[in-house]
Protein backbone atom coordinates (compact mmCIF):
# COMPACT_ATOMS: atom_id res chain seq x y z
CA MET A 1 10.86 -10.90 -13.52
CA SER A 2 8.47 -9.57 -10.90
CA PRO A 3 6.50 -11.97 -8.71
CA THR A 4 2.80 -12.42 -9.37
CA PRO A 5 0.88 -9.39 -8.03
CA ASN A 6 -1.30 -9.89 -4.98
CA PRO A 7 -4.03 -7.19 -4.99
CA ASP A 8 -4.72 -7.55 -1.24
CA TYR A 9 -1.05 -7.16 -0.36
CA ASP A 10 -0.67 -4.21 -2.73
CA ALA A 11 -3.67 -2.46 -1.13
CA ARG A 12 -2.22 -2.93 2.37
CA VAL A 13 1.11 -1.50 1.24
CA ARG A 14 -0.59 1.51 -0.35
CA GLU A 15 -2.35 2.23 2.94
CA ASN A 16 1.09 2.80 4.48
CA PHE A 17 2.76 4.66 1.61
CA VAL A 18 0.00 6.62 -0.16
CA ASP A 19 -1.92 9.45 1.53
CA ALA A 20 -5.62 10.31 1.20
CA GLY A 21 -4.81 12.64 -1.71
CA ASP A 22 -3.22 9.76 -3.67
CA HIS A 23 0.31 11.12 -3.18
CA LEU A 24 3.18 8.79 -2.46
CA ILE A 25 4.50 9.63 1.01
CA SER A 26 7.81 7.81 0.54
CA VAL A 27 9.36 5.21 -1.72
CA PRO A 28 9.54 1.87 0.10
CA ALA A 29 13.05 0.52 0.63
CA GLN A 30 11.88 -3.11 0.74
CA HIS A 31 11.73 -4.52 -2.78
CA LYS A 32 8.38 -6.31 -2.43
CA LYS A 33 6.68 -3.18 -1.06
CA ARG A 34 8.31 -0.96 -3.69
CA LEU A 35 6.93 -3.27 -6.41
CA ALA A 36 3.44 -2.89 -4.95
CA VAL A 37 3.79 0.90 -5.14
CA LEU A 38 5.21 0.76 -8.67
CA ARG A 39 2.29 -1.40 -9.86
CA TRP A 40 -0.02 1.34 -8.54
CA LEU A 41 2.04 4.09 -10.13
CA VAL A 42 2.19 2.50 -13.60
CA GLU A 43 -1.62 2.63 -13.73
CA ASP A 44 -1.25 6.38 -14.41
CA PHE A 45 0.03 5.48 -17.89
CA GLN A 46 -2.37 4.47 -20.63
CA PRO A 47 -1.73 1.10 -22.29
CA GLY A 48 -0.58 1.47 -25.89
CA THR A 49 0.50 5.10 -25.50
CA ARG A 50 4.06 6.24 -26.09
CA TYR A 51 5.30 9.01 -23.79
CA GLU A 52 8.21 11.38 -24.08
CA GLU A 53 10.41 11.53 -21.00
CA ALA A 54 9.08 14.98 -20.03
CA ASP A 55 5.53 13.60 -20.03
CA VAL A 56 6.59 10.63 -17.87
CA ASN A 57 8.24 13.04 -15.42
CA ARG A 58 5.13 15.23 -15.28
CA ILE A 59 2.80 12.26 -14.67
CA ILE A 60 4.99 10.75 -11.95
CA SER A 61 5.52 14.13 -10.24
CA ARG A 62 1.76 14.32 -9.61
CA ARG A 63 2.33 11.47 -7.13
CA HIS A 64 5.86 12.15 -5.81
CA PRO A 65 8.58 14.76 -6.45
CA ASP A 66 11.37 12.21 -7.10
CA PHE A 67 10.20 11.37 -10.60
CA ALA A 68 13.68 10.39 -11.82
CA THR A 69 14.08 7.59 -9.28
CA LEU A 70 10.55 6.32 -9.79
CA ARG A 71 10.89 6.44 -13.58
CA ARG A 72 14.11 4.39 -13.33
CA TYR A 73 12.42 1.87 -11.01
CA LEU A 74 9.50 1.46 -13.43
CA VAL A 75 11.93 0.61 -16.23
CA ASP A 76 14.22 -1.52 -14.05
CA GLU A 77 11.26 -3.58 -12.84
CA GLU A 78 10.04 -3.94 -16.44
CA LEU A 79 6.72 -2.23 -15.76
CA MET A 80 7.63 0.32 -18.44
CA GLN A 81 9.98 0.13 -21.38
CA ARG A 82 12.17 2.83 -22.85
CA GLN A 83 13.78 3.34 -26.20
CA ARG A 84 15.47 6.55 -27.40
CA GLY A 85 13.71 8.67 -24.76
CA ILE A 86 10.24 7.24 -25.46
CA TYR A 87 8.45 5.25 -22.75
CA TRP A 88 5.45 2.91 -22.76
CA ARG A 89 3.81 0.39 -20.44
CA THR A 90 5.38 -3.02 -20.86
CA GLY A 91 3.36 -5.39 -23.01
CA THR A 92 1.12 -2.71 -24.48
CA VAL A 93 3.12 -1.69 -27.57
CA PRO A 94 4.28 -4.43 -29.95
CA TYR A 95 8.04 -4.74 -30.33
CA VAL A 96 9.02 -5.45 -33.92
CA GLY A 97 12.78 -5.08 -33.49
CA HIS A 98 13.02 -1.66 -35.07
CA ASP A 99 11.02 1.51 -35.45
CA PRO A 100 9.82 3.08 -38.70
CA ALA A 101 11.97 6.00 -39.87
CA ASP A 102 9.22 8.52 -39.07
CA TRP A 103 8.60 7.21 -35.50
CA PRO A 104 8.03 8.89 -33.15
CA SER A 105 6.28 11.70 -34.94
CA ALA A 106 6.30 15.15 -33.37
CA GLY A 107 3.47 16.23 -31.13
CA GLY A 108 3.51 14.38 -27.81
CA PRO A 109 2.30 10.94 -26.73
CA GLN A 110 1.40 8.60 -29.55
CA THR A 111 -1.24 5.86 -29.38
CA GLU A 112 -0.94 2.61 -31.31
CA GLU A 113 -3.61 2.15 -33.93
CA PRO A 114 -5.48 -1.18 -33.79
């Protein structure tokens, strides 16, 4: 499990790894710094929305061209979850142990109904 976020630390890390155009310059090698960058990156994903892998790749590539590595880090660090090629922000979509037969429906990202 990731350590408790420190907003001041995360902001200092972003100053060194994110340019003025909000593009990630490089992926930090140090775990703690990489987590700070990943916490920033996951904010590009709406809570409660399910994304197909192509959509995740497109969103991440707005920030950095190595979307595959960053996507894997987001899942590995449990900031996003993945099941059968569908991704969502951790803790924003209830897990009931199985999906309905018609889920996901065709047509792109799906938002949970309240």
